[in-house]
Amino acid sequence: YQRRVHGKEILYIPTTKDVKYKAKSWIDMFGGRAAKSVGSMINAQFSSAAALALYTGPINLAIIAVWAAVALSTGRQNQRMTDTNTVLGEGKSHLEEPCPIV
């Protein structure tokens, strides 16, 4: 458990301390708990492990494919930002710009 937590925290894209604090808070409070509750609800719907594997296998494969695509994209973005010493959240804030009325 401890290695997973520390490993997860070093994988953030380079950001300012403010952005990292807000993102980490959301992930720790809502993201993890939401994932656990969704997993519990799915497990509760099936009476056996065989039924669970049979019906959720294709869904899991689709989720893995999306996760892999997002992970590759995030890794490439992280590499670009690291190579150019870019930090997400530096510079002009989106809150300083006027919001266009549509």
PDB file of N, CA and C in Angstrom:
ATOM      1  N   TYR A   1       0.829  -1.196   0.000  1.00  0.00           N
ATOM      2  CA  TYR A   1       0.000   0.000   0.000  1.00  0.00           C
ATOM      3  C   TYR A   1       0.865   1.248   0.000  1.00  0.00           C
ATOM      4  N   GLN A   2       1.854   1.312   0.839  1.00  0.00           N
ATOM      5  CA  GLN A   2       2.673   2.519   0.941  1.00  0.00           C
ATOM      6  C   GLN A   2       3.425   2.825  -0.346  1.00  0.00           C
ATOM      7  N   ARG A   3       3.919   1.802  -1.012  1.00  0.00           N
ATOM      8  CA  ARG A   3       4.628   2.044  -2.275  1.00  0.00           C
ATOM      9  C   ARG A   3       3.690   2.561  -3.335  1.00  0.00           C
ATOM     10  N   ARG A   4       2.464   2.054  -3.354  1.00  0.00           N
ATOM     11  CA  ARG A   4       1.493   2.497  -4.351  1.00  0.00           C
ATOM     12  C   ARG A   4       1.147   3.964  -4.149  1.00  0.00           C
ATOM     13  N   VAL A   5       0.950   4.376  -2.910  1.00  0.00           N
ATOM     14  CA  VAL A   5       0.583   5.757  -2.620  1.00  0.00           C
ATOM     15  C   VAL A   5       1.709   6.704  -3.029  1.00  0.00           C
ATOM     16  N   HIS A   6       2.924   6.395  -2.658  1.00  0.00           N
ATOM     17  CA  HIS A   6       4.036   7.278  -3.011  1.00  0.00           C
ATOM     18  C   HIS A   6       4.297   7.261  -4.510  1.00  0.00           C
ATOM     19  N   GLY A   7       4.147   6.113  -5.131  1.00  0.00           N
ATOM     20  CA  GLY A   7       4.318   6.031  -6.576  1.00  0.00           C
ATOM     21  C   GLY A   7       3.284   6.859  -7.311  1.00  0.00           C
ATOM     22  N   LYS A   8       2.063   6.840  -6.820  1.00  0.00           N
ATOM     23  CA  LYS A   8       0.993   7.618  -7.434  1.00  0.00           C
ATOM     24  C   LYS A   8       1.292   9.108  -7.339  1.00  0.00           C
ATOM     25  N   GLU A   9       1.828   9.539  -6.231  1.00  0.00           N
ATOM     26  CA  GLU A   9       2.046  10.963  -6.021  1.00  0.00           C
ATOM     27  C   GLU A   9       3.214  11.520  -6.829  1.00  0.00           C
ATOM     28  N   ILE A  10       4.150  10.708  -7.248  1.00  0.00           N
ATOM     29  CA  ILE A  10       5.246  11.240  -8.054  1.00  0.00           C
ATOM     30  C   ILE A  10       4.885  11.298  -9.526  1.00  0.00           C
ATOM     31  N   LEU A  11       3.726  10.775  -9.902  1.00  0.00           N
ATOM     32  CA  LEU A  11       3.338  10.748 -11.309  1.00  0.00           C
ATOM     33  C   LEU A  11       2.582  11.988 -11.767  1.00  0.00           C
ATOM     34  N   TYR A  12       2.411  12.971 -10.898  1.00  0.00           N
ATOM     35  CA  TYR A  12       1.715  14.184 -11.307  1.00  0.00           C
ATOM     36  C   TYR A  12       2.497  14.918 -12.384  1.00  0.00           C
ATOM     37  N   ILE A  13       1.764  15.593 -13.262  1.00  0.00           N
ATOM     38  CA  ILE A  13       2.383  16.459 -14.271  1.00  0.00           C
ATOM     39  C   ILE A  13       2.971  17.660 -13.513  1.00  0.00           C
ATOM     40  N   PRO A  14       4.098  18.204 -13.953  1.00  0.00           N
ATOM     41  CA  PRO A  14       4.682  19.363 -13.254  1.00  0.00           C
ATOM     42  C   PRO A  14       3.678  20.523 -13.172  1.00  0.00           C
ATOM     43  N   THR A  15       3.338  20.922 -11.956  1.00  0.00           N
ATOM     44  CA  THR A  15       2.378  22.000 -11.739  1.00  0.00           C
ATOM     45  C   THR A  15       2.880  22.916 -10.639  1.00  0.00           C
ATOM     46  N   THR A  16       2.162  24.011 -10.448  1.00  0.00           N
ATOM     47  CA  THR A  16       2.464  24.888  -9.332  1.00  0.00           C
ATOM     48  C   THR A  16       1.981  24.201  -8.056  1.00  0.00           C
ATOM     49  N   LYS A  17       2.455  24.671  -6.909  1.00  0.00           N
ATOM     50  CA  LYS A  17       2.039  24.071  -5.643  1.00  0.00           C
ATOM     51  C   LYS A  17       0.535  24.224  -5.429  1.00  0.00           C
ATOM     52  N   ASP A  18      -0.033  25.355  -5.882  1.00  0.00           N
ATOM     53  CA  ASP A  18      -1.466  25.593  -5.719  1.00  0.00           C
ATOM     54  C   ASP A  18      -2.285  24.579  -6.509  1.00  0.00           C
ATOM     55  N   VAL A  19      -1.926  24.357  -7.765  1.00  0.00           N
ATOM     56  CA  VAL A  19      -2.648  23.402  -8.608  1.00  0.00           C
ATOM     57  C   VAL A  19      -2.480  21.992  -8.062  1.00  0.00           C
ATOM     58  N   LYS A  20      -1.270  21.632  -7.659  1.00  0.00           N
ATOM     59  CA  LYS A  20      -1.016  20.290  -7.125  1.00  0.00           C
ATOM     60  C   LYS A  20      -1.820  20.047  -5.850  1.00  0.00           C
ATOM     61  N   TYR A  21      -1.893  21.051  -4.978  1.00  0.00           N
ATOM     62  CA  TYR A  21      -2.634  20.925  -3.724  1.00  0.00           C
ATOM     63  C   TYR A  21      -4.116  20.672  -4.003  1.00  0.00           C
ATOM     64  N   LYS A  22      -4.687  21.451  -4.924  1.00  0.00           N
ATOM     65  CA  LYS A  22      -6.109  21.300  -5.228  1.00  0.00           C
ATOM     66  C   LYS A  22      -6.396  19.960  -5.904  1.00  0.00           C
ATOM     67  N   ALA A  23      -5.563  19.556  -6.843  1.00  0.00           N
ATOM     68  CA  ALA A  23      -5.781  18.292  -7.545  1.00  0.00           C
ATOM     69  C   ALA A  23      -5.620  17.108  -6.597  1.00  0.00           C
ATOM     70  N   LYS A  24      -4.592  17.142  -5.757  1.00  0.00           N
ATOM     71  CA  LYS A  24      -4.355  16.047  -4.825  1.00  0.00           C
ATOM     72  C   LYS A  24      -5.500  15.923  -3.825  1.00  0.00           C
ATOM     73  N   SER A  25      -5.996  17.044  -3.362  1.00  0.00           N
ATOM     74  CA  SER A  25      -7.118  17.016  -2.416  1.00  0.00           C
ATOM     75  C   SER A  25      -8.334  16.352  -3.043  1.00  0.00           C
ATOM     76  N   TRP A  26      -8.635  16.719  -4.278  1.00  0.00           N
ATOM     77  CA  TRP A  26      -9.804  16.139  -4.937  1.00  0.00           C
ATOM     78  C   TRP A  26      -9.615  14.642  -5.149  1.00  0.00           C
ATOM     79  N   ILE A  27      -8.448  14.265  -5.630  1.00  0.00           N
ATOM     80  CA  ILE A  27      -8.177  12.846  -5.891  1.00  0.00           C
ATOM     81  C   ILE A  27      -8.278  12.034  -4.605  1.00  0.00           C
ATOM     82  N   ASP A  28      -7.659  12.531  -3.536  1.00  0.00           N
ATOM     83  CA  ASP A  28      -7.659  11.790  -2.273  1.00  0.00           C
ATOM     84  C   ASP A  28      -9.050  11.703  -1.655  1.00  0.00           C
ATOM     85  N   MET A  29      -9.829  12.781  -1.739  1.00  0.00           N
ATOM     86  CA  MET A  29     -11.131  12.797  -1.069  1.00  0.00           C
ATOM     87  C   MET A  29     -12.234  12.151  -1.893  1.00  0.00           C
ATOM     88  N   PHE A  30     -12.301  12.469  -3.164  1.00  0.00           N
ATOM     89  CA  PHE A  30     -13.437  12.017  -3.957  1.00  0.00           C
ATOM     90  C   PHE A  30     -13.087  10.901  -4.943  1.00  0.00           C
ATOM     91  N   GLY A  31     -11.979  11.024  -5.631  1.00  0.00           N
ATOM     92  CA  GLY A  31     -11.624  10.055  -6.658  1.00  0.00           C
ATOM     93  C   GLY A  31     -11.494   8.643  -6.123  1.00  0.00           C
ATOM     94  N   GLY A  32     -10.711   8.459  -5.083  1.00  0.00           N
ATOM     95  CA  GLY A  32     -10.504   7.125  -4.507  1.00  0.00           C
ATOM     96  C   GLY A  32     -11.765   6.534  -3.915  1.00  0.00           C
ATOM     97  N   ARG A  33     -12.497   7.349  -3.202  1.00  0.00           N
ATOM     98  CA  ARG A  33     -13.727   6.854  -2.580  1.00  0.00           C
ATOM     99  C   ARG A  33     -14.785   6.515  -3.627  1.00  0.00           C
ATOM    100  N   ALA A  34     -14.871   7.331  -4.670  1.00  0.00           N
ATOM    101  CA  ALA A  34     -15.851   7.049  -5.732  1.00  0.00           C
ATOM    102  C   ALA A  34     -15.512   5.738  -6.432  1.00  0.00           C
ATOM    103  N   ALA A  35     -14.238   5.514  -6.721  1.00  0.00           N
ATOM    104  CA  ALA A  35     -13.837   4.269  -7.379  1.00  0.00           C
ATOM    105  C   ALA A  35     -14.154   3.064  -6.501  1.00  0.00           C
ATOM    106  N   LYS A  36     -13.899   3.167  -5.197  1.00  0.00           N
ATOM    107  CA  LYS A  36     -14.198   2.050  -4.290  1.00  0.00           C
ATOM    108  C   LYS A  36     -15.698   1.782  -4.223  1.00  0.00           C
ATOM    109  N   SER A  37     -16.516   2.827  -4.183  1.00  0.00           N
ATOM    110  CA  SER A  37     -17.954   2.614  -4.066  1.00  0.00           C
ATOM    111  C   SER A  37     -18.536   2.037  -5.356  1.00  0.00           C
ATOM    112  N   VAL A  38     -18.058   2.475  -6.508  1.00  0.00           N
ATOM    113  CA  VAL A  38     -18.532   1.902  -7.773  1.00  0.00           C
ATOM    114  C   VAL A  38     -18.136   0.424  -7.858  1.00  0.00           C
ATOM    115  N   GLY A  39     -16.914   0.097  -7.480  1.00  0.00           N
ATOM    116  CA  GLY A  39     -16.479  -1.295  -7.478  1.00  0.00           C
ATOM    117  C   GLY A  39     -17.306  -2.154  -6.536  1.00  0.00           C
ATOM    118  N   SER A  40     -17.639  -1.628  -5.377  1.00  0.00           N
ATOM    119  CA  SER A  40     -18.464  -2.373  -4.421  1.00  0.00           C
ATOM    120  C   SER A  40     -19.863  -2.614  -4.963  1.00  0.00           C
ATOM    121  N   MET A  41     -20.432  -1.603  -5.625  1.00  0.00           N
ATOM    122  CA  MET A  41     -21.769  -1.774  -6.197  1.00  0.00           C
ATOM    123  C   MET A  41     -21.765  -2.829  -7.300  1.00  0.00           C
ATOM    124  N   ILE A  42     -20.726  -2.841  -8.121  1.00  0.00           N
ATOM    125  CA  ILE A  42     -20.636  -3.844  -9.188  1.00  0.00           C
ATOM    126  C   ILE A  42     -20.495  -5.240  -8.581  1.00  0.00           C
ATOM    127  N   ASN A  43     -19.631  -5.396  -7.594  1.00  0.00           N
ATOM    128  CA  ASN A  43     -19.446  -6.706  -6.945  1.00  0.00           C
ATOM    129  C   ASN A  43     -20.728  -7.194  -6.284  1.00  0.00           C
ATOM    130  N   ALA A  44     -21.522  -6.287  -5.730  1.00  0.00           N
ATOM    131  CA  ALA A  44     -22.749  -6.674  -5.044  1.00  0.00           C
ATOM    132  C   ALA A  44     -23.815  -7.192  -6.010  1.00  0.00           C
ATOM    133  N   GLN A  45     -23.710  -6.850  -7.288  1.00  0.00           N
ATOM    134  CA  GLN A  45     -24.715  -7.258  -8.266  1.00  0.00           C
ATOM    135  C   GLN A  45     -24.576  -8.713  -8.712  1.00  0.00           C
ATOM    136  N   PHE A  46     -23.451  -9.329  -8.446  1.00  0.00           N
ATOM    137  CA  PHE A  46     -23.214 -10.685  -8.931  1.00  0.00           C
ATOM    138  C   PHE A  46     -23.061 -11.651  -7.768  1.00  0.00           C
ATOM    139  N   SER A  47     -23.630 -12.845  -7.945  1.00  0.00           N
ATOM    140  CA  SER A  47     -23.637 -13.815  -6.855  1.00  0.00           C
ATOM    141  C   SER A  47     -22.366 -14.657  -6.787  1.00  0.00           C
ATOM    142  N   SER A  48     -21.613 -14.729  -7.894  1.00  0.00           N
ATOM    143  CA  SER A  48     -20.400 -15.541  -7.870  1.00  0.00           C
ATOM    144  C   SER A  48     -19.285 -14.847  -8.634  1.00  0.00           C
ATOM    145  N   ALA A  49     -18.077 -15.284  -8.376  1.00  0.00           N
ATOM    146  CA  ALA A  49     -16.921 -14.704  -9.062  1.00  0.00           C
ATOM    147  C   ALA A  49     -16.949 -15.038 -10.550  1.00  0.00           C
ATOM    148  N   ALA A  50     -17.473 -16.207 -10.901  1.00  0.00           N
ATOM    149  CA  ALA A  50     -17.549 -16.600 -12.309  1.00  0.00           C
ATOM    150  C   ALA A  50     -18.496 -15.682 -13.075  1.00  0.00           C
ATOM    151  N   ALA A  51     -19.646 -15.375 -12.481  1.00  0.00           N
ATOM    152  CA  ALA A  51     -20.603 -14.477 -13.127  1.00  0.00           C
ATOM    153  C   ALA A  51     -20.015 -13.075 -13.252  1.00  0.00           C
ATOM    154  N   LEU A  52     -19.322 -12.657 -12.229  1.00  0.00           N
ATOM    155  CA  LEU A  52     -18.686 -11.332 -12.258  1.00  0.00           C
ATOM    156  C   LEU A  52     -17.679 -11.252 -13.394  1.00  0.00           C
ATOM    157  N   ALA A  53     -16.835 -12.261 -13.533  1.00  0.00           N
ATOM    158  CA  ALA A  53     -15.816 -12.275 -14.585  1.00  0.00           C
ATOM    159  C   ALA A  53     -16.448 -12.353 -15.968  1.00  0.00           C
ATOM    160  N   LEU A  54     -17.499 -13.156 -16.106  1.00  0.00           N
ATOM    161  CA  LEU A  54     -18.146 -13.345 -17.403  1.00  0.00           C
ATOM    162  C   LEU A  54     -18.791 -12.056 -17.912  1.00  0.00           C
ATOM    163  N   TYR A  55     -19.492 -11.356 -17.058  1.00  0.00           N
ATOM    164  CA  TYR A  55     -20.248 -10.187 -17.501  1.00  0.00           C
ATOM    165  C   TYR A  55     -19.444  -8.889 -17.495  1.00  0.00           C
ATOM    166  N   THR A  56     -18.455  -8.811 -16.638  1.00  0.00           N
ATOM    167  CA  THR A  56     -17.701  -7.550 -16.575  1.00  0.00           C
ATOM    168  C   THR A  56     -16.388  -7.597 -17.342  1.00  0.00           C
ATOM    169  N   GLY A  57     -16.008  -8.769 -17.848  1.00  0.00           N
ATOM    170  CA  GLY A  57     -14.757  -8.886 -18.598  1.00  0.00           C
ATOM    171  C   GLY A  57     -14.663  -7.934 -19.781  1.00  0.00           C
ATOM    172  N   PRO A  58     -15.659  -7.911 -20.680  1.00  0.00           N
ATOM    173  CA  PRO A  58     -15.590  -6.984 -21.818  1.00  0.00           C
ATOM    174  C   PRO A  58     -15.568  -5.519 -21.391  1.00  0.00           C
ATOM    175  N   ILE A  59     -16.316  -5.200 -20.352  1.00  0.00           N
ATOM    176  CA  ILE A  59     -16.319  -3.817 -19.856  1.00  0.00           C
ATOM    177  C   ILE A  59     -14.940  -3.459 -19.315  1.00  0.00           C
ATOM    178  N   ASN A  60     -14.335  -4.389 -18.582  1.00  0.00           N
ATOM    179  CA  ASN A  60     -12.995  -4.138 -18.036  1.00  0.00           C
ATOM    180  C   ASN A  60     -11.968  -3.942 -19.141  1.00  0.00           C
ATOM    181  N   LEU A  61     -12.063  -4.724 -20.213  1.00  0.00           N
ATOM    182  CA  LEU A  61     -11.134  -4.565 -21.330  1.00  0.00           C
ATOM    183  C   LEU A  61     -11.282  -3.185 -21.977  1.00  0.00           C
ATOM    184  N   ALA A  62     -12.504  -2.712 -22.107  1.00  0.00           N
ATOM    185  CA  ALA A  62     -12.727  -1.378 -22.670  1.00  0.00           C
ATOM    186  C   ALA A  62     -12.153  -0.305 -21.750  1.00  0.00           C
ATOM    187  N   ILE A  63     -12.355  -0.457 -20.456  1.00  0.00           N
ATOM    188  CA  ILE A  63     -11.819   0.512 -19.494  1.00  0.00           C
ATOM    189  C   ILE A  63     -10.288   0.505 -19.540  1.00  0.00           C
ATOM    190  N   ILE A  64      -9.694  -0.666 -19.652  1.00  0.00           N
ATOM    191  CA  ILE A  64      -8.230  -0.769 -19.730  1.00  0.00           C
ATOM    192  C   ILE A  64      -7.708  -0.084 -20.983  1.00  0.00           C
ATOM    193  N   ALA A  65      -8.415  -0.237 -22.102  1.00  0.00           N
ATOM    194  CA  ALA A  65      -7.991   0.406 -23.347  1.00  0.00           C
ATOM    195  C   ALA A  65      -8.028   1.931 -23.214  1.00  0.00           C
ATOM    196  N   VAL A  66      -9.089   2.461 -22.627  1.00  0.00           N
ATOM    197  CA  VAL A  66      -9.191   3.918 -22.421  1.00  0.00           C
ATOM    198  C   VAL A  66      -8.111   4.378 -21.452  1.00  0.00           C
ATOM    199  N   TRP A  67      -7.914   3.625 -20.366  1.00  0.00           N
ATOM    200  CA  TRP A  67      -6.900   3.985 -19.379  1.00  0.00           C
ATOM    201  C   TRP A  67      -5.513   4.015 -20.010  1.00  0.00           C
ATOM    202  N   ALA A  68      -5.211   3.031 -20.844  1.00  0.00           N
ATOM    203  CA  ALA A  68      -3.899   2.969 -21.494  1.00  0.00           C
ATOM    204  C   ALA A  68      -3.693   4.169 -22.419  1.00  0.00           C
ATOM    205  N   ALA A  69      -4.726   4.536 -23.170  1.00  0.00           N
ATOM    206  CA  ALA A  69      -4.626   5.700 -24.062  1.00  0.00           C
ATOM    207  C   ALA A  69      -4.390   6.983 -23.261  1.00  0.00           C
ATOM    208  N   VAL A  70      -5.105   7.143 -22.176  1.00  0.00           N
ATOM    209  CA  VAL A  70      -4.928   8.331 -21.333  1.00  0.00           C
ATOM    210  C   VAL A  70      -3.538   8.323 -20.696  1.00  0.00           C
ATOM    211  N   ALA A  71      -3.085   7.171 -20.242  1.00  0.00           N
ATOM    212  CA  ALA A  71      -1.756   7.070 -19.626  1.00  0.00           C
ATOM    213  C   ALA A  71      -0.657   7.413 -20.626  1.00  0.00           C
ATOM    214  N   LEU A  72      -0.766   6.921 -21.858  1.00  0.00           N
ATOM    215  CA  LEU A  72       0.234   7.248 -22.878  1.00  0.00           C
ATOM    216  C   LEU A  72       0.235   8.738 -23.200  1.00  0.00           C
ATOM    217  N   SER A  73      -0.942   9.311 -23.340  1.00  0.00           N
ATOM    218  CA  SER A  73      -1.048  10.739 -23.636  1.00  0.00           C
ATOM    219  C   SER A  73      -0.473  11.580 -22.491  1.00  0.00           C
ATOM    220  N   THR A  74      -0.792  11.203 -21.259  1.00  0.00           N
ATOM    221  CA  THR A  74      -0.284  11.933 -20.100  1.00  0.00           C
ATOM    222  C   THR A  74       1.229  11.798 -19.999  1.00  0.00           C
ATOM    223  N   GLY A  75       1.744  10.612 -20.283  1.00  0.00           N
ATOM    224  CA  GLY A  75       3.194  10.403 -20.257  1.00  0.00           C
ATOM    225  C   GLY A  75       3.907  11.263 -21.275  1.00  0.00           C
ATOM    226  N   ARG A  76       3.348  11.349 -22.476  1.00  0.00           N
ATOM    227  CA  ARG A  76       3.951  12.198 -23.516  1.00  0.00           C
ATOM    228  C   ARG A  76       3.915  13.667 -23.108  1.00  0.00           C
ATOM    229  N   GLN A  77       2.779  14.095 -22.556  1.00  0.00           N
ATOM    230  CA  GLN A  77       2.666  15.486 -22.108  1.00  0.00           C
ATOM    231  C   GLN A  77       3.658  15.770 -20.981  1.00  0.00           C
ATOM    232  N   ASN A  78       3.782  14.841 -20.057  1.00  0.00           N
ATOM    233  CA  ASN A  78       4.735  15.001 -18.955  1.00  0.00           C
ATOM    234  C   ASN A  78       6.158  15.103 -19.488  1.00  0.00           C
ATOM    235  N   GLN A  79       6.504  14.257 -20.454  1.00  0.00           N
ATOM    236  CA  GLN A  79       7.852  14.292 -21.024  1.00  0.00           C
ATOM    237  C   GLN A  79       8.121  15.626 -21.711  1.00  0.00           C
ATOM    238  N   ARG A  80       7.149  16.124 -22.493  1.00  0.00           N
ATOM    239  CA  ARG A  80       7.317  17.427 -23.150  1.00  0.00           C
ATOM    240  C   ARG A  80       7.496  18.544 -22.131  1.00  0.00           C
ATOM    241  N   MET A  81       6.674  18.517 -21.085  1.00  0.00           N
ATOM    242  CA  MET A  81       6.746  19.571 -20.065  1.00  0.00           C
ATOM    243  C   MET A  81       8.060  19.490 -19.294  1.00  0.00           C
ATOM    244  N   THR A  82       8.518  18.288 -19.012  1.00  0.00           N
ATOM    245  CA  THR A  82       9.782  18.113 -18.307  1.00  0.00           C
ATOM    246  C   THR A  82      10.956  18.563 -19.176  1.00  0.00           C
ATOM    247  N   ASP A  83      10.934  18.224 -20.465  1.00  0.00           N
ATOM    248  CA  ASP A  83      12.011  18.615 -21.371  1.00  0.00           C
ATOM    249  C   ASP A  83      12.120  20.125 -21.534  1.00  0.00           C
ATOM    250  N   THR A  84      10.983  20.819 -21.515  1.00  0.00           N
ATOM    251  CA  THR A  84      10.987  22.274 -21.723  1.00  0.00           C
ATOM    252  C   THR A  84      10.879  23.047 -20.408  1.00  0.00           C
ATOM    253  N   ASN A  85      10.945  22.353 -19.282  1.00  0.00           N
ATOM    254  CA  ASN A  85      10.812  22.972 -17.957  1.00  0.00           C
ATOM    255  C   ASN A  85       9.542  23.797 -17.834  1.00  0.00           C
ATOM    256  N   THR A  86       8.457  23.310 -18.416  1.00  0.00           N
ATOM    257  CA  THR A  86       7.167  23.969 -18.333  1.00  0.00           C
ATOM    258  C   THR A  86       6.443  23.473 -17.095  1.00  0.00           C
ATOM    259  N   VAL A  87       5.786  24.397 -16.410  1.00  0.00           N
ATOM    260  CA  VAL A  87       5.022  24.038 -15.225  1.00  0.00           C
ATOM    261  C   VAL A  87       3.580  24.451 -15.445  1.00  0.00           C
ATOM    262  N   LEU A  88       2.668  23.494 -15.327  1.00  0.00           N
ATOM    263  CA  LEU A  88       1.252  23.758 -15.507  1.00  0.00           C
ATOM    264  C   LEU A  88       0.768  24.681 -14.395  1.00  0.00           C
ATOM    265  N   GLY A  89       0.079  25.733 -14.753  1.00  0.00           N
ATOM    266  CA  GLY A  89      -0.438  26.668 -13.761  1.00  0.00           C
ATOM    267  C   GLY A  89       0.377  27.930 -13.647  1.00  0.00           C
ATOM    268  N   GLU A  90       1.545  27.971 -14.268  1.00  0.00           N
ATOM    269  CA  GLU A  90       2.339  29.188 -14.258  1.00  0.00           C
ATOM    270  C   GLU A  90       1.818  30.131 -15.319  1.00  0.00           C
ATOM    271  N   GLY A  91       2.079  31.400 -15.126  1.00  0.00           N
ATOM    272  CA  GLY A  91       1.659  32.372 -16.120  1.00  0.00           C
ATOM    273  C   GLY A  91       0.284  32.906 -15.814  1.00  0.00           C
ATOM    274  N   LYS A  92      -0.395  33.356 -16.847  1.00  0.00           N
ATOM    275  CA  LYS A  92      -1.680  33.999 -16.697  1.00  0.00           C
ATOM    276  C   LYS A  92      -2.757  32.987 -16.327  1.00  0.00           C
ATOM    277  N   SER A  93      -3.525  33.301 -15.312  1.00  0.00           N
ATOM    278  CA  SER A  93      -4.593  32.429 -14.871  1.00  0.00           C
ATOM    279  C   SER A  93      -5.806  32.608 -15.772  1.00  0.00           C
ATOM    280  N   HIS A  94      -6.552  31.541 -15.959  1.00  0.00           N
ATOM    281  CA  HIS A  94      -7.778  31.649 -16.750  1.00  0.00           C
ATOM    282  C   HIS A  94      -8.808  32.516 -16.044  1.00  0.00           C
ATOM    283  N   LEU A  95      -8.649  32.730 -14.740  1.00  0.00           N
ATOM    284  CA  LEU A  95      -9.587  33.569 -13.994  1.00  0.00           C
ATOM    285  C   LEU A  95      -9.347  35.049 -14.252  1.00  0.00           C
ATOM    286  N   GLU A  96      -8.161  35.409 -14.755  1.00  0.00           N
ATOM    287  CA  GLU A  96      -7.861  36.805 -15.015  1.00  0.00           C
ATOM    288  C   GLU A  96      -8.447  37.259 -16.346  1.00  0.00           C
ATOM    289  N   GLU A  97      -8.767  36.335 -17.214  1.00  0.00           N
ATOM    290  CA  GLU A  97      -9.318  36.678 -18.518  1.00  0.00           C
ATOM    291  C   GLU A  97     -10.830  36.825 -18.407  1.00  0.00           C
ATOM    292  N   PRO A  98     -11.394  37.760 -19.169  1.00  0.00           N
ATOM    293  CA  PRO A  98     -12.856  37.898 -19.125  1.00  0.00           C
ATOM    294  C   PRO A  98     -13.525  36.677 -19.752  1.00  0.00           C
ATOM    295  N   CYS A  99     -14.607  36.278 -19.179  1.00  0.00           N
ATOM    296  CA  CYS A  99     -15.351  35.125 -19.678  1.00  0.00           C
ATOM    297  C   CYS A  99     -16.229  35.565 -20.838  1.00  0.00           C
ATOM    298  N   PRO A 100     -16.081  34.951 -22.013  1.00  0.00           N
ATOM    299  CA  PRO A 100     -16.919  35.357 -23.144  1.00  0.00           C
ATOM    300  C   PRO A 100     -18.371  34.919 -22.917  1.00  0.00           C
ATOM    301  N   ILE A 101     -19.275  35.787 -23.286  1.00  0.00           N
ATOM    302  CA  ILE A 101     -20.690  35.476 -23.177  1.00  0.00           C
ATOM    303  C   ILE A 101     -21.137  34.861 -24.489  1.00  0.00           C
ATOM    304  N   VAL A 102     -21.675  33.687 -24.417  1.00  0.00           N
ATOM    305  CA  VAL A 102     -22.081  32.976 -25.628  1.00  0.00           C
ATOM    306  C   VAL A 102     -23.573  32.999 -25.767  1.00  0.00           C
TER     307      VAL A 102
END
